[in-house]
Amino acid sequence: MFDLSAIQESLQQFQFDGWLLYDFRGSNVLARRVLELGETPIGSRRFFYCIPADGNPRKLVHRIESGALDHLPGEKTIYLTWEELEAGVQHLVEGMRRVAMEYSPRNGNPYISKVDAGTVELVRSFGAEPLPSGDLIQQFEATWDDEQWAMHLEAANYTDSAYDRAWKFIAERIRRDGTVTEREVQDEIMRHFAEHGMTTYHPPIVGVGPHSGDPHYETGDAPMRAGDFVLIDLWAKLDKPRAVYSDLTRVGFIGSSVPEKYETIFQIVAQARDAAIACVRTAFSTGEPLQGWQVDQACRDVITSAGYGTAFVHRTGHSIGQETHGNGANMDNLETHEQRLVLPRTCFSVEPGIYLPEFGVRSEINVFVDKARQVHVTGGELQRNVVPILA
């Protein structure tokens, strides 16, 4: 529900004079969600909606789509010509200096960079300085309510139990036939999801041997046999409106005991994972602000210190929401310098990995910070060792 008073309270908290929300033909999905246009047909003309830190919002809409923002409060200006559009934008930001927009300087954070450079130039020409709206977007797009938190916990039960089923399936097929393919394991997990009312945008990753060393491997028909190392990365949510994802990764070895070379790498990854969790818990227990890059660095330092820094080739974690990769802060100081805050009522993954030519190890869990600032780790018990699948 669009909550003007809450938005204005946040504008004041982050010291913005206003928030200028802009869209053209669906180019700004973040603005559309904040303005509750997610399910509304996309128009063909530009609109602007300006929310001041104090006072009434203002709208700028095209004549042939003049009702585009009628569900929202505020006065409406209708434009037709390009001159009227530019004059209308000038009126929207009049008297404002610090204006939040879905903009990232130097495109340093492409996840929030939804406004084109020309529009930023136009706003700046009227004396207003566009600034990133990343933390605002989090508060009104990436946070969960109690119902979503409950749906995540239910989903996490099923993603957790999917591993018991997958390991058992692999063990049974290896004992019976001596082999099983990656895709057959993937299909078994998808059956598990369907039986429990779960949905996902993409089937899980099942990678054997060298395939486990490819973070975004597309599962194929490679055979798995006794003595092979296996990585499974799966994600799903309840098949219900507004449901949010659970996203986990675990590793196993097809044998009754795990060779030392696999366990040694796993323990480094697990220590890095735990360092990231500890970083979050410490910050919220002491009340210190926490940015996403700091979580990544706490995790990355462990792997770098162990001599495998160049083998950790992705960020530590991503925001989780109604999409697997949500619109909140990522845990990232590698691909971006993530300066968005880790906020209450947001969820994200922690999933460090070490990827070697012959195999790769990743351990992924989800972290949710509730409205009371308590930190929860979801997805069952933390994996402490490589699973001996035939034990």
Protein backbone atom coordinates (compact mmCIF):
# COMPACT_ATOMS: atom_id res chain seq x y z
CA MET A 1 0.00 0.00 0.00
CA PHE A 2 1.35 3.44 -0.98
CA ASP A 3 2.18 5.20 2.29
CA LEU A 4 2.99 8.85 1.68
CA SER A 5 3.72 9.66 5.31
CA ALA A 6 6.21 6.76 5.59
CA ILE A 7 7.97 7.84 2.41
CA GLN A 8 8.26 11.42 3.60
CA GLU A 9 9.58 10.25 6.96
CA SER A 10 12.29 8.31 5.12
CA LEU A 11 13.13 11.29 2.92
CA GLN A 12 13.73 13.31 6.05
CA GLN A 13 15.74 10.47 7.61
CA PHE A 14 18.08 10.34 4.61
CA GLN A 15 18.11 14.15 4.24
CA PHE A 16 16.55 14.35 0.79
CA ASP A 17 14.44 17.35 -0.30
CA GLY A 18 12.35 15.05 -2.45
CA TRP A 19 12.10 11.88 -4.52
CA LEU A 20 11.56 12.19 -8.26
CA LEU A 21 10.16 8.94 -9.66
CA TYR A 22 10.31 8.63 -13.44
CA ASP A 23 9.37 5.95 -15.97
CA PHE A 24 9.31 5.56 -19.73
CA ARG A 25 7.83 2.41 -21.24
CA GLY A 26 8.66 0.31 -18.20
CA SER A 27 12.30 1.41 -18.02
CA ASN A 28 12.12 1.93 -14.24
CA VAL A 29 10.63 -1.16 -12.63
CA LEU A 30 11.66 0.11 -9.19
CA ALA A 31 9.64 3.32 -9.53
CA ARG A 32 6.67 1.38 -10.88
CA ARG A 33 6.66 -0.88 -7.84
CA VAL A 34 6.93 1.97 -5.36
CA LEU A 35 4.02 3.68 -7.14
CA GLU A 36 2.01 0.44 -7.18
CA LEU A 37 2.08 0.15 -10.96
CA GLY A 38 3.57 -3.34 -11.03
CA GLU A 39 0.51 -5.01 -12.58
CA THR A 40 -0.68 -1.96 -14.53
CA PRO A 41 -0.19 -2.01 -18.32
CA ILE A 42 2.90 -0.08 -19.34
CA GLY A 43 2.19 3.19 -21.11
CA SER A 44 4.02 4.69 -24.06
CA ARG A 45 4.71 8.18 -22.66
CA ARG A 46 6.95 9.54 -19.91
CA PHE A 47 5.61 10.34 -16.45
CA PHE A 48 7.14 11.90 -13.35
CA TYR A 49 5.95 11.78 -9.75
CA CYS A 50 7.67 14.06 -7.25
CA ILE A 51 7.32 13.43 -3.51
CA PRO A 52 8.67 16.31 -1.39
CA ALA A 53 10.04 15.65 2.08
CA ASP A 54 7.19 17.83 3.31
CA GLY A 55 4.00 18.87 1.52
CA ASN A 56 1.92 17.48 -1.31
CA PRO A 57 3.27 15.35 -4.19
CA ARG A 58 3.13 16.58 -7.77
CA LYS A 59 2.50 14.63 -11.01
CA LEU A 60 3.54 15.22 -14.60
CA VAL A 61 1.73 13.09 -17.18
CA HIS A 62 1.14 13.15 -20.95
CA ARG A 63 -2.19 14.28 -22.38
CA ILE A 64 -3.03 10.94 -24.00
CA GLU A 65 -2.16 9.07 -20.77
CA SER A 66 -3.36 11.68 -18.33
CA GLY A 67 -4.84 9.12 -15.92
CA ALA A 68 -1.61 7.14 -15.45
CA LEU A 69 -1.10 8.30 -11.85
CA ASP A 70 -4.68 9.04 -10.81
CA HIS A 71 -4.52 6.46 -8.01
CA LEU A 72 -1.88 8.56 -6.25
CA PRO A 73 -2.32 11.77 -4.24
CA GLY A 74 -1.12 15.16 -5.46
CA GLU A 75 -1.74 17.86 -8.04
CA LYS A 76 -1.47 16.95 -11.71
CA THR A 77 0.17 18.80 -14.57
CA ILE A 78 -0.54 17.60 -18.10
CA TYR A 79 2.01 18.12 -20.86
CA LEU A 80 1.88 17.60 -24.60
CA THR A 81 4.96 19.20 -26.16
CA TRP A 82 8.58 18.64 -25.23
CA GLU A 83 8.76 22.25 -24.08
CA GLU A 84 5.88 21.61 -21.69
CA LEU A 85 7.60 18.47 -20.44
CA GLU A 86 10.81 20.31 -19.58
CA ALA A 87 8.92 23.18 -17.95
CA GLY A 88 6.92 20.61 -15.99
CA VAL A 89 10.05 18.88 -14.66
CA GLN A 90 11.44 22.27 -13.63
CA HIS A 91 8.23 22.93 -11.68
CA LEU A 92 8.42 19.52 -9.97
CA VAL A 93 11.90 20.09 -8.53
CA GLU A 94 11.56 23.80 -7.88
CA GLY A 95 13.22 24.74 -4.59
CA MET A 96 14.85 21.31 -4.18
CA ARG A 97 18.59 20.68 -3.97
CA ARG A 98 18.99 17.00 -2.97
CA VAL A 99 16.65 14.89 -5.08
CA ALA A 100 16.56 11.09 -4.86
CA MET A 101 16.36 9.24 -8.17
CA GLU A 102 17.05 5.71 -9.42
CA TYR A 103 20.52 6.84 -10.41
CA SER A 104 24.06 5.68 -9.62
CA PRO A 105 27.10 7.92 -10.19
CA ARG A 106 29.40 6.37 -12.81
CA ASN A 107 26.88 3.50 -12.93
CA GLY A 108 28.68 2.11 -9.88
CA ASN A 109 25.56 0.20 -8.85
CA PRO A 110 23.63 -0.92 -11.96
CA TYR A 111 20.93 -2.55 -9.82
CA ILE A 112 19.49 0.87 -8.98
CA SER A 113 20.54 2.72 -12.15
CA LYS A 114 17.22 2.95 -13.99
CA VAL A 115 17.10 6.62 -15.03
CA ASP A 116 18.90 7.54 -18.27
CA ALA A 117 21.73 10.08 -18.31
CA GLY A 118 19.73 12.61 -20.33
CA THR A 119 16.96 12.77 -17.74
CA VAL A 120 19.55 13.20 -14.99
CA GLU A 121 21.07 16.06 -17.01
CA LEU A 122 17.66 17.67 -17.39
CA VAL A 123 16.97 17.58 -13.66
CA ARG A 124 20.43 18.86 -12.86
CA SER A 125 19.96 21.79 -15.25
CA PHE A 126 17.23 23.12 -12.95
CA GLY A 127 19.56 23.34 -9.95
CA ALA A 128 18.60 20.03 -8.32
CA GLU A 129 21.25 17.38 -7.68
CA PRO A 130 20.10 13.80 -8.41
CA LEU A 131 21.33 11.39 -5.74
CA PRO A 132 20.97 7.58 -5.46
CA SER A 133 17.65 6.40 -4.06
CA GLY A 134 18.98 2.95 -3.18
CA ASP A 135 18.11 2.94 0.51
CA LEU A 136 14.67 4.43 -0.19
CA ILE A 137 14.01 1.68 -2.73
CA GLN A 138 14.96 -0.90 -0.13
CA GLN A 139 12.51 0.45 2.41
CA PHE A 140 9.56 0.48 0.03
CA GLU A 141 10.38 -2.39 -2.34
CA ALA A 142 12.82 -4.82 -0.69
CA THR A 143 11.49 -5.08 2.87
CA TRP A 144 9.22 -7.94 3.94
CA ASP A 145 6.10 -7.89 6.06
CA ASP A 146 5.24 -10.60 8.57
CA GLU A 147 3.31 -12.66 6.01
CA GLN A 148 6.28 -12.75 3.64
CA TRP A 149 8.65 -13.68 6.47
CA ALA A 150 6.36 -16.60 7.35
CA MET A 151 6.22 -17.68 3.69
CA HIS A 152 10.01 -17.58 3.50
CA LEU A 153 10.32 -19.83 6.55
CA GLU A 154 7.92 -22.33 5.02
CA ALA A 155 9.80 -22.24 1.73
CA ALA A 156 13.08 -22.71 3.60
CA ASN A 157 11.74 -25.93 5.13
CA TYR A 158 11.16 -27.32 1.64
CA THR A 159 14.45 -26.12 0.14
CA ASP A 160 16.25 -27.66 3.13
CA SER A 161 14.44 -30.98 2.77
CA ALA A 162 15.15 -31.00 -0.98
CA TYR A 163 18.76 -31.84 -0.10
CA ASP A 164 17.80 -34.91 1.91
CA ARG A 165 15.81 -36.08 -1.08
CA ALA A 166 18.57 -35.29 -3.58
CA TRP A 167 21.34 -37.03 -1.62
CA LYS A 168 19.12 -40.06 -1.07
CA PHE A 169 18.19 -40.17 -4.76
CA ILE A 170 21.84 -40.04 -5.81
CA ALA A 171 22.82 -42.76 -3.34
CA GLU A 172 20.02 -45.09 -4.44
CA ARG A 173 20.80 -44.68 -8.14
CA ILE A 174 24.54 -45.12 -7.64
CA ARG A 175 23.99 -48.33 -5.65
CA ARG A 176 21.47 -49.66 -8.17
CA ASP A 177 22.89 -48.51 -11.51
CA GLY A 178 26.38 -47.24 -10.76
CA THR A 179 25.53 -43.83 -12.26
CA VAL A 180 22.97 -41.02 -12.36
CA THR A 181 22.95 -37.84 -14.47
CA GLU A 182 22.93 -34.25 -13.33
CA ARG A 183 19.60 -33.68 -15.06
CA GLU A 184 17.97 -36.65 -13.37
CA VAL A 185 18.87 -35.17 -9.98
CA GLN A 186 17.62 -31.77 -11.13
CA ASP A 187 14.30 -33.35 -12.18
CA GLU A 188 13.96 -35.07 -8.80
CA ILE A 189 14.36 -31.75 -7.01
CA MET A 190 11.75 -30.14 -9.27
CA ARG A 191 9.34 -32.97 -8.40
CA HIS A 192 9.97 -32.22 -4.73
CA PHE A 193 9.13 -28.56 -5.28
CA ALA A 194 5.93 -29.37 -7.19
CA GLU A 195 4.75 -31.78 -4.49
CA HIS A 196 5.09 -29.02 -1.87
CA GLY A 197 3.44 -26.18 -3.78
CA MET A 198 6.69 -24.45 -4.70
CA THR A 199 7.63 -22.56 -7.84
CA THR A 200 10.89 -21.24 -9.27
CA TYR A 201 11.94 -19.18 -12.28
CA HIS A 202 14.72 -21.65 -13.17
CA PRO A 203 15.59 -25.25 -12.24
CA PRO A 204 18.43 -25.81 -9.76
CA ILE A 205 22.10 -26.13 -10.63
CA VAL A 206 23.46 -29.66 -10.27
CA GLY A 207 27.17 -29.76 -11.12
CA VAL A 208 29.53 -32.71 -10.89
CA GLY A 209 33.33 -32.47 -10.72
CA PRO A 210 34.66 -29.58 -12.85
CA HIS A 211 31.11 -28.38 -13.44
CA SER A 212 30.89 -27.48 -9.74
CA GLY A 213 33.70 -25.00 -10.39
CA ASP A 214 31.48 -22.94 -12.73
CA PRO A 215 29.33 -20.65 -10.52
CA HIS A 216 26.60 -20.31 -13.17
CA TYR A 217 26.82 -23.75 -14.72
CA GLU A 218 23.83 -24.81 -16.81
CA THR A 219 22.97 -28.35 -15.71
CA GLY A 220 23.36 -30.96 -18.44
CA ASP A 221 23.42 -34.73 -18.81
CA ALA A 222 26.85 -35.40 -17.34
CA PRO A 223 26.99 -38.71 -15.45
CA MET A 224 27.81 -38.90 -11.75
CA ARG A 225 29.58 -41.91 -10.30
CA ALA A 226 31.14 -43.04 -7.03
CA GLY A 227 34.13 -40.85 -6.24
CA ASP A 228 32.63 -37.68 -7.74
CA PHE A 229 32.17 -34.31 -6.05
CA VAL A 230 28.72 -32.67 -6.44
CA LEU A 231 27.40 -29.13 -5.94
CA ILE A 232 23.65 -28.37 -5.78
CA ASP A 233 22.35 -24.79 -5.83
CA LEU A 234 18.56 -24.53 -5.56
CA TRP A 235 16.03 -21.75 -5.07
CA ALA A 236 12.23 -21.69 -4.86
CA LYS A 237 9.28 -19.95 -3.23
CA LEU A 238 5.70 -20.86 -2.37
CA ASP A 239 3.37 -20.65 -5.35
CA LYS A 240 1.38 -17.82 -3.75
CA PRO A 241 1.01 -14.09 -4.37
CA ARG A 242 3.82 -11.99 -2.85
CA ALA A 243 5.83 -15.07 -1.83
CA VAL A 244 9.59 -14.67 -1.42
CA TYR A 245 12.44 -17.02 -2.21
CA SER A 246 14.67 -19.34 -0.23
CA ASP A 247 18.04 -19.89 -1.96
CA LEU A 248 20.57 -22.47 -0.72
CA THR A 249 23.74 -24.21 -1.93
CA ARG A 250 25.37 -27.35 -0.50
CA VAL A 251 28.03 -29.82 -1.60
CA GLY A 252 28.52 -33.56 -1.31
CA PHE A 253 30.86 -36.38 -2.25
CA ILE A 254 29.65 -39.67 -3.70
CA GLY A 255 31.33 -41.95 -1.23
CA SER A 256 31.17 -43.10 2.39
CA SER A 257 33.95 -40.72 3.47
CA VAL A 258 35.17 -37.41 2.05
CA PRO A 259 38.74 -36.99 0.74
CA GLU A 260 40.80 -34.37 2.56
CA LYS A 261 41.24 -32.11 -0.49
CA TYR A 262 37.49 -31.43 -0.64
CA GLU A 263 37.02 -31.03 3.09
CA THR A 264 39.96 -28.63 3.40
CA ILE A 265 38.51 -26.23 0.81
CA PHE A 266 35.03 -26.56 2.28
CA GLN A 267 36.24 -25.55 5.74
CA ILE A 268 37.77 -22.34 4.36
CA VAL A 269 34.49 -21.50 2.63
CA ALA A 270 32.49 -22.28 5.77
CA GLN A 271 34.74 -20.03 7.87
CA ALA A 272 34.22 -17.20 5.38
CA ARG A 273 30.45 -17.75 5.46
CA ASP A 274 30.45 -17.65 9.25
CA ALA A 275 32.59 -14.49 9.27
CA ALA A 276 29.96 -12.73 7.14
CA ILE A 277 27.16 -13.83 9.46
CA ALA A 278 29.16 -12.65 12.47
CA CYS A 279 29.74 -9.27 10.81
CA VAL A 280 25.98 -8.77 10.44
CA ARG A 281 25.19 -9.93 13.97
CA THR A 282 27.84 -7.69 15.50
CA ALA A 283 26.64 -4.60 13.65
CA PHE A 284 23.01 -5.08 14.64
CA SER A 285 23.84 -5.92 18.24
CA THR A 286 25.92 -2.75 18.62
CA GLY A 287 23.66 -0.49 16.55
CA GLU A 288 26.37 0.35 14.03
CA PRO A 289 25.28 1.14 10.44
CA LEU A 290 26.26 -1.66 8.09
CA GLN A 291 26.79 -1.36 4.34
CA GLY A 292 26.74 -4.30 1.97
CA TRP A 293 30.42 -3.98 1.01
CA GLN A 294 31.47 -4.50 4.63
CA VAL A 295 29.80 -7.92 4.79
CA ASP A 296 31.50 -8.95 1.56
CA GLN A 297 34.88 -7.81 2.82
CA ALA A 298 34.57 -9.69 6.12
CA CYS A 299 33.86 -12.84 4.14
CA ARG A 300 36.41 -12.24 1.39
CA ASP A 301 39.24 -11.55 3.84
CA VAL A 302 39.02 -15.12 5.15
CA ILE A 303 39.35 -16.68 1.70
CA THR A 304 42.10 -14.25 0.66
CA SER A 305 44.06 -14.96 3.84
CA ALA A 306 43.87 -18.69 3.05
CA GLY A 307 45.46 -18.03 -0.35
CA TYR A 308 42.37 -18.50 -2.53
CA GLY A 309 41.31 -14.89 -3.11
CA THR A 310 41.56 -15.16 -6.90
CA ALA A 311 39.34 -18.25 -6.84
CA PHE A 312 36.43 -16.36 -5.18
CA VAL A 313 35.03 -14.85 -8.36
CA HIS A 314 31.67 -13.37 -7.33
CA ARG A 315 30.13 -11.20 -4.62
CA THR A 316 29.36 -12.71 -1.23
CA GLY A 317 25.59 -12.38 -1.53
CA HIS A 318 22.55 -10.86 -3.19
CA SER A 319 19.27 -9.39 -2.03
CA ILE A 320 16.35 -11.85 -1.87
CA GLY A 321 12.70 -10.97 -2.43
CA GLN A 322 9.87 -11.95 -4.73
CA GLU A 323 12.69 -12.53 -7.22
CA THR A 324 15.68 -14.65 -6.29
CA HIS A 325 17.85 -11.61 -6.90
CA GLY A 326 15.90 -8.86 -5.17
CA ASN A 327 16.16 -5.08 -5.14
CA GLY A 328 17.79 -4.55 -1.76
CA ALA A 329 21.45 -4.26 -0.82
CA ASN A 330 23.84 -6.89 -2.13
CA MET A 331 26.82 -8.09 -0.10
CA ASP A 332 29.40 -6.89 -2.58
CA ASN A 333 32.79 -5.23 -2.62
CA LEU A 334 33.99 -7.02 -5.76
CA GLU A 335 31.63 -6.38 -8.66
CA THR A 336 30.34 -3.14 -7.10
CA HIS A 337 31.20 -1.12 -4.00
CA GLU A 338 27.78 -1.65 -2.37
CA GLN A 339 27.09 1.35 -0.13
CA ARG A 340 23.42 0.64 0.49
CA LEU A 341 22.66 -0.14 4.11
CA VAL A 342 21.66 -3.56 5.41
CA LEU A 343 18.19 -2.63 6.68
CA PRO A 344 15.72 -4.32 9.04
CA ARG A 345 13.11 -6.50 7.32
CA THR A 346 15.41 -7.33 4.40
CA CYS A 347 16.85 -10.68 3.38
CA PHE A 348 20.01 -11.60 1.50
CA SER A 349 22.19 -14.59 0.70
CA VAL A 350 25.67 -15.31 2.04
CA GLU A 351 27.36 -17.67 -0.41
CA PRO A 352 31.16 -17.59 -0.58
CA GLY A 353 32.87 -19.98 -2.96
CA ILE A 354 36.26 -21.25 -4.04
CA TYR A 355 36.33 -22.41 -7.68
CA LEU A 356 39.19 -24.60 -8.86
CA PRO A 357 39.66 -26.31 -12.25
CA GLU A 358 38.77 -29.78 -10.94
CA PHE A 359 35.98 -28.79 -8.52
CA GLY A 360 34.32 -25.84 -6.81
CA VAL A 361 32.88 -25.36 -3.32
CA ARG A 362 30.09 -22.96 -2.39
CA SER A 363 28.09 -22.76 0.84
CA GLU A 364 24.93 -20.64 0.71
CA ILE A 365 22.49 -19.65 3.42
CA ASN A 366 19.97 -16.80 3.78
CA VAL A 367 20.05 -14.03 6.38
CA PHE A 368 16.97 -12.05 7.45
CA VAL A 369 17.04 -9.08 9.80
CA ASP A 370 13.62 -8.71 11.43
CA LYS A 371 11.87 -5.49 12.45
CA ALA A 372 13.30 -5.81 15.97
CA ARG A 373 16.81 -5.95 14.40
CA GLN A 374 17.30 -9.61 15.30
CA VAL A 375 19.42 -11.54 12.78
CA HIS A 376 18.09 -14.91 11.56
CA VAL A 377 19.90 -17.51 9.46
CA THR A 378 17.42 -19.65 7.52
CA GLY A 379 17.55 -22.87 5.52
CA GLY A 380 18.11 -25.50 8.19
CA GLU A 381 21.34 -26.26 10.01
CA LEU A 382 24.51 -24.70 8.64
CA GLN A 383 26.46 -27.20 6.58
CA ARG A 384 29.58 -28.00 8.61
CA ASN A 385 31.18 -30.65 6.40
CA VAL A 386 30.98 -32.02 2.89
CA VAL A 387 28.14 -34.56 2.83
CA PRO A 388 29.36 -38.17 2.34
CA ILE A 389 26.45 -39.18 0.12
CA LEU A 390 26.95 -42.95 0.43
CA ALA A 391 27.53 -42.97 4.19
